[in-house]
Amino acid sequence: MHEQVFVADIVKEATKHGVVSKVTVEVGALAPIPAAELEAALRMTTGWEVEIVENAGTVQCKCGYHGAPKITDKGHEYTIYECPKCGAKLPRVVSGKEIILKDVTVE
């Protein structure tokens, strides 16, 4: 359950601001954990209100495509994606692998 590593990092950062009631977390489509799994783990561990903002991500392909990847499969700890224009496997990721604590609401 490596999502607990991400939860611990978010909790550590969020609680620096005080007694937390809500967090907003941006989760990229190419992040190592699905957004729904991270949301469930955060809610279960903390009891906070959790808002997840999903980022579709951006890839750059040798064919010239620059935009959201076509995700063909996503699971716990993996994402398989390709260029939606030419079908090339694993175009270069520009963004979308990140998990970012965007906002913290304190009591």
PDB file of N, CA and C in Angstrom:
ATOM      1  N   MET A   1       0.829  -1.183   0.000  1.00  0.00           N
ATOM      2  CA  MET A   1       0.000   0.000   0.000  1.00  0.00           C
ATOM      3  C   MET A   1       0.880   1.256   0.000  1.00  0.00           C
ATOM      4  N   HIS A   2       1.510   1.500  -1.138  1.00  0.00           N
ATOM      5  CA  HIS A   2       2.400   2.653  -1.200  1.00  0.00           C
ATOM      6  C   HIS A   2       1.654   3.977  -1.187  1.00  0.00           C
ATOM      7  N   GLU A   3       0.317   3.948  -1.311  1.00  0.00           N
ATOM      8  CA  GLU A   3      -0.431   5.204  -1.219  1.00  0.00           C
ATOM      9  C   GLU A   3      -0.244   5.830   0.160  1.00  0.00           C
ATOM     10  N   GLN A   4       0.070   5.012   1.174  1.00  0.00           N
ATOM     11  CA  GLN A   4       0.297   5.542   2.516  1.00  0.00           C
ATOM     12  C   GLN A   4       1.520   6.459   2.569  1.00  0.00           C
ATOM     13  N   VAL A   5       2.494   6.240   1.687  1.00  0.00           N
ATOM     14  CA  VAL A   5       3.655   7.132   1.612  1.00  0.00           C
ATOM     15  C   VAL A   5       3.195   8.509   1.153  1.00  0.00           C
ATOM     16  N   PHE A   6       2.336   8.539   0.128  1.00  0.00           N
ATOM     17  CA  PHE A   6       1.815   9.814  -0.363  1.00  0.00           C
ATOM     18  C   PHE A   6       0.934  10.474   0.681  1.00  0.00           C
ATOM     19  N   VAL A   7       0.098   9.687   1.350  1.00  0.00           N
ATOM     20  CA  VAL A   7      -0.768  10.214   2.410  1.00  0.00           C
ATOM     21  C   VAL A   7       0.081  10.829   3.518  1.00  0.00           C
ATOM     22  N   ALA A   8       1.115  10.139   3.940  1.00  0.00           N
ATOM     23  CA  ALA A   8       1.978  10.647   5.014  1.00  0.00           C
ATOM     24  C   ALA A   8       2.623  11.971   4.621  1.00  0.00           C
ATOM     25  N   ASP A   9       3.070  12.077   3.384  1.00  0.00           N
ATOM     26  CA  ASP A   9       3.683  13.322   2.918  1.00  0.00           C
ATOM     27  C   ASP A   9       2.673  14.466   2.894  1.00  0.00           C
ATOM     28  N   ILE A  10       1.461  14.182   2.426  1.00  0.00           N
ATOM     29  CA  ILE A  10       0.416  15.208   2.379  1.00  0.00           C
ATOM     30  C   ILE A  10       0.032  15.643   3.788  1.00  0.00           C
ATOM     31  N   VAL A  11      -0.141  14.676   4.691  1.00  0.00           N
ATOM     32  CA  VAL A  11      -0.495  14.989   6.076  1.00  0.00           C
ATOM     33  C   VAL A  11       0.600  15.834   6.719  1.00  0.00           C
ATOM     34  N   LYS A  12       1.836  15.463   6.518  1.00  0.00           N
ATOM     35  CA  LYS A  12       2.964  16.205   7.106  1.00  0.00           C
ATOM     36  C   LYS A  12       2.955  17.659   6.638  1.00  0.00           C
ATOM     37  N   GLU A  13       2.777  17.867   5.342  1.00  0.00           N
ATOM     38  CA  GLU A  13       2.787  19.223   4.799  1.00  0.00           C
ATOM     39  C   GLU A  13       1.547  20.001   5.226  1.00  0.00           C
ATOM     40  N   ALA A  14       0.374  19.380   5.153  1.00  0.00           N
ATOM     41  CA  ALA A  14      -0.875  20.079   5.472  1.00  0.00           C
ATOM     42  C   ALA A  14      -0.927  20.510   6.936  1.00  0.00           C
ATOM     43  N   THR A  15      -0.481  19.652   7.846  1.00  0.00           N
ATOM     44  CA  THR A  15      -0.587  19.970   9.274  1.00  0.00           C
ATOM     45  C   THR A  15       0.389  21.057   9.711  1.00  0.00           C
ATOM     46  N   LYS A  16       1.307  21.435   8.849  1.00  0.00           N
ATOM     47  CA  LYS A  16       2.177  22.584   9.152  1.00  0.00           C
ATOM     48  C   LYS A  16       1.367  23.874   9.241  1.00  0.00           C
ATOM     49  N   HIS A  17       0.168  23.872   8.661  1.00  0.00           N
ATOM     50  CA  HIS A  17      -0.660  25.072   8.596  1.00  0.00           C
ATOM     51  C   HIS A  17      -1.653  25.174   9.749  1.00  0.00           C
ATOM     52  N   GLY A  18      -1.787  24.122  10.561  1.00  0.00           N
ATOM     53  CA  GLY A  18      -2.718  24.142  11.681  1.00  0.00           C
ATOM     54  C   GLY A  18      -3.572  22.889  11.699  1.00  0.00           C
ATOM     55  N   VAL A  19      -4.739  22.995  12.347  1.00  0.00           N
ATOM     56  CA  VAL A  19      -5.665  21.879  12.441  1.00  0.00           C
ATOM     57  C   VAL A  19      -6.456  21.832  11.125  1.00  0.00           C
ATOM     58  N   VAL A  20      -6.245  20.801  10.370  1.00  0.00           N
ATOM     59  CA  VAL A  20      -6.775  20.708   9.013  1.00  0.00           C
ATOM     60  C   VAL A  20      -8.206  20.177   9.010  1.00  0.00           C
ATOM     61  N   SER A  21      -9.048  20.791   8.163  1.00  0.00           N
ATOM     62  CA  SER A  21     -10.406  20.273   7.964  1.00  0.00           C
ATOM     63  C   SER A  21     -10.611  19.817   6.519  1.00  0.00           C
ATOM     64  N   LYS A  22      -9.822  20.384   5.588  1.00  0.00           N
ATOM     65  CA  LYS A  22      -9.978  20.037   4.181  1.00  0.00           C
ATOM     66  C   LYS A  22      -8.671  20.249   3.442  1.00  0.00           C
ATOM     67  N   VAL A  23      -8.415  19.371   2.465  1.00  0.00           N
ATOM     68  CA  VAL A  23      -7.275  19.556   1.568  1.00  0.00           C
ATOM     69  C   VAL A  23      -7.760  19.410   0.127  1.00  0.00           C
ATOM     70  N   THR A  24      -7.085  20.121  -0.752  1.00  0.00           N
ATOM     71  CA  THR A  24      -7.300  19.978  -2.185  1.00  0.00           C
ATOM     72  C   THR A  24      -5.992  19.477  -2.764  1.00  0.00           C
ATOM     73  N   VAL A  25      -6.064  18.365  -3.480  1.00  0.00           N
ATOM     74  CA  VAL A  25      -4.865  17.723  -4.019  1.00  0.00           C
ATOM     75  C   VAL A  25      -5.039  17.541  -5.520  1.00  0.00           C
ATOM     76  N   GLU A  26      -4.029  17.968  -6.278  1.00  0.00           N
ATOM     77  CA  GLU A  26      -4.022  17.744  -7.722  1.00  0.00           C
ATOM     78  C   GLU A  26      -3.279  16.438  -7.993  1.00  0.00           C
ATOM     79  N   VAL A  27      -3.905  15.561  -8.759  1.00  0.00           N
ATOM     80  CA  VAL A  27      -3.308  14.265  -9.086  1.00  0.00           C
ATOM     81  C   VAL A  27      -3.247  14.141 -10.607  1.00  0.00           C
ATOM     82  N   GLY A  28      -2.044  13.986 -11.116  1.00  0.00           N
ATOM     83  CA  GLY A  28      -1.870  13.825 -12.550  1.00  0.00           C
ATOM     84  C   GLY A  28      -2.310  12.451 -13.021  1.00  0.00           C
ATOM     85  N   ALA A  29      -2.795  12.390 -14.246  1.00  0.00           N
ATOM     86  CA  ALA A  29      -3.255  11.123 -14.823  1.00  0.00           C
ATOM     87  C   ALA A  29      -2.124  10.103 -14.941  1.00  0.00           C
ATOM     88  N   LEU A  30      -0.881  10.577 -14.968  1.00  0.00           N
ATOM     89  CA  LEU A  30       0.272   9.683 -15.086  1.00  0.00           C
ATOM     90  C   LEU A  30       0.978   9.483 -13.743  1.00  0.00           C
ATOM     91  N   ALA A  31       0.351   9.931 -12.663  1.00  0.00           N
ATOM     92  CA  ALA A  31       0.916   9.753 -11.324  1.00  0.00           C
ATOM     93  C   ALA A  31       0.951   8.269 -10.971  1.00  0.00           C
ATOM     94  N   PRO A  32       1.811   7.892 -10.032  1.00  0.00           N
ATOM     95  CA  PRO A  32       1.955   6.470  -9.697  1.00  0.00           C
ATOM     96  C   PRO A  32       0.800   5.854  -8.920  1.00  0.00           C
ATOM     97  N   ILE A  33      -0.225   6.634  -8.638  1.00  0.00           N
ATOM     98  CA  ILE A  33      -1.388   6.113  -7.924  1.00  0.00           C
ATOM     99  C   ILE A  33      -2.645   6.733  -8.526  1.00  0.00           C
ATOM    100  N   PRO A  34      -3.683   5.951  -8.740  1.00  0.00           N
ATOM    101  CA  PRO A  34      -4.938   6.523  -9.249  1.00  0.00           C
ATOM    102  C   PRO A  34      -5.528   7.523  -8.251  1.00  0.00           C
ATOM    103  N   ALA A  35      -6.116   8.582  -8.777  1.00  0.00           N
ATOM    104  CA  ALA A  35      -6.692   9.636  -7.941  1.00  0.00           C
ATOM    105  C   ALA A  35      -7.699   9.086  -6.935  1.00  0.00           C
ATOM    106  N   ALA A  36      -8.540   8.166  -7.362  1.00  0.00           N
ATOM    107  CA  ALA A  36      -9.574   7.612  -6.468  1.00  0.00           C
ATOM    108  C   ALA A  36      -8.954   6.858  -5.289  1.00  0.00           C
ATOM    109  N   GLU A  37      -7.856   6.152  -5.535  1.00  0.00           N
ATOM    110  CA  GLU A  37      -7.186   5.418  -4.446  1.00  0.00           C
ATOM    111  C   GLU A  37      -6.567   6.382  -3.442  1.00  0.00           C
ATOM    112  N   LEU A  38      -5.955   7.451  -3.942  1.00  0.00           N
ATOM    113  CA  LEU A  38      -5.360   8.438  -3.048  1.00  0.00           C
ATOM    114  C   LEU A  38      -6.448   9.133  -2.234  1.00  0.00           C
ATOM    115  N   GLU A  39      -7.540   9.489  -2.881  1.00  0.00           N
ATOM    116  CA  GLU A  39      -8.646  10.140  -2.183  1.00  0.00           C
ATOM    117  C   GLU A  39      -9.189   9.249  -1.062  1.00  0.00           C
ATOM    118  N   ALA A  40      -9.421   7.991  -1.368  1.00  0.00           N
ATOM    119  CA  ALA A  40      -9.950   7.058  -0.362  1.00  0.00           C
ATOM    120  C   ALA A  40      -8.973   6.896   0.801  1.00  0.00           C
ATOM    121  N   ALA A  41      -7.701   6.776   0.499  1.00  0.00           N
ATOM    122  CA  ALA A  41      -6.693   6.606   1.551  1.00  0.00           C
ATOM    123  C   ALA A  41      -6.598   7.850   2.426  1.00  0.00           C
ATOM    124  N   LEU A  42      -6.665   9.032   1.827  1.00  0.00           N
ATOM    125  CA  LEU A  42      -6.620  10.273   2.606  1.00  0.00           C
ATOM    126  C   LEU A  42      -7.834  10.392   3.518  1.00  0.00           C
ATOM    127  N   ARG A  43      -9.015  10.116   2.973  1.00  0.00           N
ATOM    128  CA  ARG A  43     -10.241  10.219   3.774  1.00  0.00           C
ATOM    129  C   ARG A  43     -10.216   9.230   4.946  1.00  0.00           C
ATOM    130  N   MET A  44      -9.812   7.991   4.657  1.00  0.00           N
ATOM    131  CA  MET A  44      -9.814   6.959   5.676  1.00  0.00           C
ATOM    132  C   MET A  44      -8.780   7.253   6.770  1.00  0.00           C
ATOM    133  N   THR A  45      -7.633   7.756   6.382  1.00  0.00           N
ATOM    134  CA  THR A  45      -6.545   7.993   7.325  1.00  0.00           C
ATOM    135  C   THR A  45      -6.769   9.244   8.168  1.00  0.00           C
ATOM    136  N   THR A  46      -7.315  10.303   7.552  1.00  0.00           N
ATOM    137  CA  THR A  46      -7.367  11.594   8.227  1.00  0.00           C
ATOM    138  C   THR A  46      -8.748  12.019   8.705  1.00  0.00           C
ATOM    139  N   GLY A  47      -9.799  11.595   8.015  1.00  0.00           N
ATOM    140  CA  GLY A  47     -11.139  12.079   8.319  1.00  0.00           C
ATOM    141  C   GLY A  47     -11.402  13.469   7.752  1.00  0.00           C
ATOM    142  N   TRP A  48     -10.445  14.024   7.015  1.00  0.00           N
ATOM    143  CA  TRP A  48     -10.604  15.347   6.417  1.00  0.00           C
ATOM    144  C   TRP A  48     -11.532  15.281   5.219  1.00  0.00           C
ATOM    145  N   GLU A  49     -12.073  16.429   4.863  1.00  0.00           N
ATOM    146  CA  GLU A  49     -12.744  16.565   3.573  1.00  0.00           C
ATOM    147  C   GLU A  49     -11.619  16.621   2.534  1.00  0.00           C
ATOM    148  N   VAL A  50     -11.772  15.883   1.462  1.00  0.00           N
ATOM    149  CA  VAL A  50     -10.720  15.799   0.440  1.00  0.00           C
ATOM    150  C   VAL A  50     -11.315  16.141  -0.914  1.00  0.00           C
ATOM    151  N   GLU A  51     -10.709  17.107  -1.568  1.00  0.00           N
ATOM    152  CA  GLU A  51     -11.089  17.451  -2.939  1.00  0.00           C
ATOM    153  C   GLU A  51      -9.933  17.067  -3.850  1.00  0.00           C
ATOM    154  N   ILE A  52     -10.225  16.278  -4.856  1.00  0.00           N
ATOM    155  CA  ILE A  52      -9.205  15.849  -5.815  1.00  0.00           C
ATOM    156  C   ILE A  52      -9.439  16.584  -7.128  1.00  0.00           C
ATOM    157  N   VAL A  53      -8.383  17.192  -7.631  1.00  0.00           N
ATOM    158  CA  VAL A  53      -8.413  17.845  -8.934  1.00  0.00           C
ATOM    159  C   VAL A  53      -7.534  16.997  -9.846  1.00  0.00           C
ATOM    160  N   GLU A  54      -8.136  16.459 -10.886  1.00  0.00           N
ATOM    161  CA  GLU A  54      -7.369  15.593 -11.784  1.00  0.00           C
ATOM    162  C   GLU A  54      -6.764  16.412 -12.922  1.00  0.00           C
ATOM    163  N   ASN A  55      -5.506  16.122 -13.232  1.00  0.00           N
ATOM    164  CA  ASN A  55      -4.757  16.774 -14.301  1.00  0.00           C
ATOM    165  C   ASN A  55      -4.544  15.732 -15.393  1.00  0.00           C
ATOM    166  N   ALA A  56      -5.039  15.989 -16.594  1.00  0.00           N
ATOM    167  CA  ALA A  56      -4.949  15.021 -17.690  1.00  0.00           C
ATOM    168  C   ALA A  56      -3.514  14.740 -18.115  1.00  0.00           C
ATOM    169  N   GLY A  57      -2.619  15.654 -17.819  1.00  0.00           N
ATOM    170  CA  GLY A  57      -1.230  15.462 -18.196  1.00  0.00           C
ATOM    171  C   GLY A  57      -0.978  15.891 -19.632  1.00  0.00           C
ATOM    172  N   THR A  58       0.297  16.011 -19.954  1.00  0.00           N
ATOM    173  CA  THR A  58       0.723  16.410 -21.290  1.00  0.00           C
ATOM    174  C   THR A  58       1.918  15.567 -21.689  1.00  0.00           C
ATOM    175  N   VAL A  59       1.899  15.110 -22.946  1.00  0.00           N
ATOM    176  CA  VAL A  59       3.042  14.385 -23.506  1.00  0.00           C
ATOM    177  C   VAL A  59       3.498  15.080 -24.789  1.00  0.00           C
ATOM    178  N   GLN A  60       4.738  14.829 -25.141  1.00  0.00           N
ATOM    179  CA  GLN A  60       5.306  15.327 -26.394  1.00  0.00           C
ATOM    180  C   GLN A  60       5.811  14.116 -27.162  1.00  0.00           C
ATOM    181  N   CYS A  61       5.315  13.941 -28.381  1.00  0.00           N
ATOM    182  CA  CYS A  61       5.686  12.783 -29.196  1.00  0.00           C
ATOM    183  C   CYS A  61       6.601  13.205 -30.343  1.00  0.00           C
ATOM    184  N   LYS A  62       7.374  12.264 -30.814  1.00  0.00           N
ATOM    185  CA  LYS A  62       8.270  12.508 -31.952  1.00  0.00           C
ATOM    186  C   LYS A  62       7.496  12.879 -33.213  1.00  0.00           C
ATOM    187  N   CYS A  63       6.221  12.491 -33.283  1.00  0.00           N
ATOM    188  CA  CYS A  63       5.398  12.819 -34.454  1.00  0.00           C
ATOM    189  C   CYS A  63       4.961  14.280 -34.461  1.00  0.00           C
ATOM    190  N   GLY A  64       5.229  14.996 -33.357  1.00  0.00           N
ATOM    191  CA  GLY A  64       4.850  16.402 -33.261  1.00  0.00           C
ATOM    192  C   GLY A  64       3.670  16.664 -32.353  1.00  0.00           C
ATOM    193  N   TYR A  65       2.993  15.604 -31.914  1.00  0.00           N
ATOM    194  CA  TYR A  65       1.846  15.771 -31.026  1.00  0.00           C
ATOM    195  C   TYR A  65       2.295  16.317 -29.679  1.00  0.00           C
ATOM    196  N   HIS A  66       1.527  17.275 -29.158  1.00  0.00           N
ATOM    197  CA  HIS A  66       1.751  17.837 -27.824  1.00  0.00           C
ATOM    198  C   HIS A  66       0.373  17.999 -27.189  1.00  0.00           C
ATOM    199  N   GLY A  67       0.082  17.198 -26.197  1.00  0.00           N
ATOM    200  CA  GLY A  67      -1.221  17.273 -25.536  1.00  0.00           C
ATOM    201  C   GLY A  67      -1.430  16.110 -24.596  1.00  0.00           C
ATOM    202  N   ALA A  68      -2.671  15.853 -24.271  1.00  0.00           N
ATOM    203  CA  ALA A  68      -3.015  14.786 -23.325  1.00  0.00           C
ATOM    204  C   ALA A  68      -2.712  13.420 -23.943  1.00  0.00           C
ATOM    205  N   PRO A  69      -2.160  12.504 -23.138  1.00  0.00           N
ATOM    206  CA  PRO A  69      -1.889  11.163 -23.648  1.00  0.00           C
ATOM    207  C   PRO A  69      -3.175  10.333 -23.741  1.00  0.00           C
ATOM    208  N   LYS A  70      -3.110   9.287 -24.514  1.00  0.00           N
ATOM    209  CA  LYS A  70      -4.198   8.309 -24.537  1.00  0.00           C
ATOM    210  C   LYS A  70      -3.803   7.220 -23.541  1.00  0.00           C
ATOM    211  N   ILE A  71      -4.541   7.132 -22.439  1.00  0.00           N
ATOM    212  CA  ILE A  71      -4.242   6.132 -21.412  1.00  0.00           C
ATOM    213  C   ILE A  71      -4.987   4.861 -21.780  1.00  0.00           C
ATOM    214  N   THR A  72      -4.237   3.787 -21.959  1.00  0.00           N
ATOM    215  CA  THR A  72      -4.842   2.519 -22.367  1.00  0.00           C
ATOM    216  C   THR A  72      -5.079   1.578 -21.194  1.00  0.00           C
ATOM    217  N   ASP A  73      -4.363   1.790 -20.089  1.00  0.00           N
ATOM    218  CA  ASP A  73      -4.569   0.973 -18.890  1.00  0.00           C
ATOM    219  C   ASP A  73      -3.956   1.690 -17.702  1.00  0.00           C
ATOM    220  N   LYS A  74      -4.631   1.654 -16.570  1.00  0.00           N
ATOM    221  CA  LYS A  74      -4.102   2.274 -15.354  1.00  0.00           C
ATOM    222  C   LYS A  74      -4.466   1.394 -14.181  1.00  0.00           C
ATOM    223  N   GLY A  75      -3.484   1.152 -13.356  1.00  0.00           N
ATOM    224  CA  GLY A  75      -3.701   0.351 -12.170  1.00  0.00           C
ATOM    225  C   GLY A  75      -2.874   0.888 -11.031  1.00  0.00           C
ATOM    226  N   HIS A  76      -2.811   0.130  -9.996  1.00  0.00           N
ATOM    227  CA  HIS A  76      -2.027   0.500  -8.821  1.00  0.00           C
ATOM    228  C   HIS A  76      -0.549   0.417  -9.187  1.00  0.00           C
ATOM    229  N   GLU A  77       0.130   1.546  -9.196  1.00  0.00           N
ATOM    230  CA  GLU A  77       1.559   1.682  -9.477  1.00  0.00           C
ATOM    231  C   GLU A  77       1.939   1.622 -10.948  1.00  0.00           C
ATOM    232  N   TYR A  78       0.984   1.674 -11.873  1.00  0.00           N
ATOM    233  CA  TYR A  78       1.379   1.712 -13.284  1.00  0.00           C
ATOM    234  C   TYR A  78       0.331   2.435 -14.130  1.00  0.00           C
ATOM    235  N   THR A  79       0.815   3.028 -15.216  1.00  0.00           N
ATOM    236  CA  THR A  79      -0.045   3.651 -16.211  1.00  0.00           C
ATOM    237  C   THR A  79       0.548   3.329 -17.577  1.00  0.00           C
ATOM    238  N   ILE A  80      -0.262   2.806 -18.460  1.00  0.00           N
ATOM    239  CA  ILE A  80       0.174   2.530 -19.826  1.00  0.00           C
ATOM    240  C   ILE A  80      -0.509   3.561 -20.715  1.00  0.00           C
ATOM    241  N   TYR A  81       0.288   4.269 -21.477  1.00  0.00           N
ATOM    242  CA  TYR A  81      -0.244   5.340 -22.312  1.00  0.00           C
ATOM    243  C   TYR A  81       0.489   5.377 -23.643  1.00  0.00           C
ATOM    244  N   GLU A  82      -0.121   6.097 -24.592  1.00  0.00           N
ATOM    245  CA  GLU A  82       0.477   6.221 -25.911  1.00  0.00           C
ATOM    246  C   GLU A  82       0.086   7.565 -26.512  1.00  0.00           C
ATOM    247  N   CYS A  83       0.697   7.873 -27.632  1.00  0.00           N
ATOM    248  CA  CYS A  83       0.365   9.085 -28.369  1.00  0.00           C
ATOM    249  C   CYS A  83      -0.987   8.864 -29.047  1.00  0.00           C
ATOM    250  N   PRO A  84      -1.960   9.749 -28.834  1.00  0.00           N
ATOM    251  CA  PRO A  84      -3.258   9.568 -29.474  1.00  0.00           C
ATOM    252  C   PRO A  84      -3.230   9.852 -30.983  1.00  0.00           C
ATOM    253  N   LYS A  85      -2.179  10.488 -31.456  1.00  0.00           N
ATOM    254  CA  LYS A  85      -2.088  10.820 -32.879  1.00  0.00           C
ATOM    255  C   LYS A  85      -1.498   9.677 -33.701  1.00  0.00           C
ATOM    256  N   CYS A  86      -0.338   9.130 -33.244  1.00  0.00           N
ATOM    257  CA  CYS A  86       0.343   8.102 -34.046  1.00  0.00           C
ATOM    258  C   CYS A  86       0.393   6.733 -33.380  1.00  0.00           C
ATOM    259  N   GLY A  87      -0.001   6.659 -32.100  1.00  0.00           N
ATOM    260  CA  GLY A  87       0.003   5.383 -31.391  1.00  0.00           C
ATOM    261  C   GLY A  87       1.348   4.985 -30.811  1.00  0.00           C
ATOM    262  N   ALA A  88       2.347   5.865 -30.896  1.00  0.00           N
ATOM    263  CA  ALA A  88       3.667   5.556 -30.338  1.00  0.00           C
ATOM    264  C   ALA A  88       3.550   5.284 -28.844  1.00  0.00           C
ATOM    265  N   LYS A  89       4.251   4.281 -28.379  1.00  0.00           N
ATOM    266  CA  LYS A  89       4.246   3.938 -26.967  1.00  0.00           C
ATOM    267  C   LYS A  89       5.210   4.845 -26.206  1.00  0.00           C
ATOM    268  N   LEU A  90       4.786   5.291 -25.059  1.00  0.00           N
ATOM    269  CA  LEU A  90       5.594   6.076 -24.135  1.00  0.00           C
ATOM    270  C   LEU A  90       6.208   7.344 -24.720  1.00  0.00           C
ATOM    271  N   PRO A  91       5.376   8.257 -25.243  1.00  0.00           N
ATOM    272  CA  PRO A  91       5.927   9.559 -25.618  1.00  0.00           C
ATOM    273  C   PRO A  91       6.451  10.261 -24.363  1.00  0.00           C
ATOM    274  N   ARG A  92       7.294  11.262 -24.525  1.00  0.00           N
ATOM    275  CA  ARG A  92       7.920  11.956 -23.392  1.00  0.00           C
ATOM    276  C   ARG A  92       6.863  12.694 -22.568  1.00  0.00           C
ATOM    277  N   VAL A  93       6.898  12.485 -21.269  1.00  0.00           N
ATOM    278  CA  VAL A  93       5.948  13.133 -20.359  1.00  0.00           C
ATOM    279  C   VAL A  93       6.428  14.557 -20.065  1.00  0.00           C
ATOM    280  N   VAL A  94       5.553  15.519 -20.318  1.00  0.00           N
ATOM    281  CA  VAL A  94       5.832  16.918 -20.005  1.00  0.00           C
ATOM    282  C   VAL A  94       5.265  17.257 -18.630  1.00  0.00           C
ATOM    283  N   SER A  95       4.051  16.783 -18.358  1.00  0.00           N
ATOM    284  CA  SER A  95       3.425  16.998 -17.047  1.00  0.00           C
ATOM    285  C   SER A  95       2.391  15.913 -16.809  1.00  0.00           C
ATOM    286  N   GLY A  96       1.975  15.785 -15.555  1.00  0.00           N
ATOM    287  CA  GLY A  96       0.921  14.833 -15.227  1.00  0.00           C
ATOM    288  C   GLY A  96       1.366  13.678 -14.361  1.00  0.00           C
ATOM    289  N   LYS A  97       2.630  13.669 -13.929  1.00  0.00           N
ATOM    290  CA  LYS A  97       3.114  12.613 -13.031  1.00  0.00           C
ATOM    291  C   LYS A  97       3.036  13.057 -11.570  1.00  0.00           C
ATOM    292  N   GLU A  98       2.712  14.313 -11.366  1.00  0.00           N
ATOM    293  CA  GLU A  98       2.809  14.901 -10.046  1.00  0.00           C
ATOM    294  C   GLU A  98       1.569  14.689  -9.181  1.00  0.00           C
ATOM    295  N   ILE A  99       1.811  14.734  -7.885  1.00  0.00           N
ATOM    296  CA  ILE A  99       0.757  14.802  -6.877  1.00  0.00           C
ATOM    297  C   ILE A  99       1.080  16.054  -6.076  1.00  0.00           C
ATOM    298  N   ILE A 100       0.171  17.047  -6.128  1.00  0.00           N
ATOM    299  CA  ILE A 100       0.468  18.357  -5.569  1.00  0.00           C
ATOM    300  C   ILE A 100      -0.610  18.757  -4.553  1.00  0.00           C
ATOM    301  N   LEU A 101      -0.175  19.123  -3.366  1.00  0.00           N
ATOM    302  CA  LEU A 101      -1.079  19.678  -2.366  1.00  0.00           C
ATOM    303  C   LEU A 101      -1.367  21.123  -2.772  1.00  0.00           C
ATOM    304  N   LYS A 102      -2.595  21.400  -3.217  1.00  0.00           N
ATOM    305  CA  LYS A 102      -2.937  22.712  -3.775  1.00  0.00           C
ATOM    306  C   LYS A 102      -3.482  23.669  -2.740  1.00  0.00           C
ATOM    307  N   ASP A 103      -4.238  23.149  -1.766  1.00  0.00           N
ATOM    308  CA  ASP A 103      -4.876  24.036  -0.806  1.00  0.00           C
ATOM    309  C   ASP A 103      -5.136  23.301   0.492  1.00  0.00           C
ATOM    310  N   VAL A 104      -5.047  24.029   1.591  1.00  0.00           N
ATOM    311  CA  VAL A 104      -5.310  23.484   2.920  1.00  0.00           C
ATOM    312  C   VAL A 104      -6.278  24.417   3.627  1.00  0.00           C
ATOM    313  N   THR A 105      -7.362  23.871   4.144  1.00  0.00           N
ATOM    314  CA  THR A 105      -8.313  24.640   4.940  1.00  0.00           C
ATOM    315  C   THR A 105      -8.141  24.213   6.390  1.00  0.00           C
ATOM    316  N   VAL A 106      -7.903  25.191   7.253  1.00  0.00           N
ATOM    317  CA  VAL A 106      -7.703  24.906   8.677  1.00  0.00           C
ATOM    318  C   VAL A 106      -8.867  25.436   9.483  1.00  0.00           C
ATOM    319  N   GLU A 107      -9.040  24.848  10.664  1.00  0.00           N
ATOM    320  CA  GLU A 107     -10.132  25.272  11.563  1.00  0.00           C
ATOM    321  C   GLU A 107      -9.756  26.528  12.303  1.00  0.00           C
TER     322      GLU A 107
END
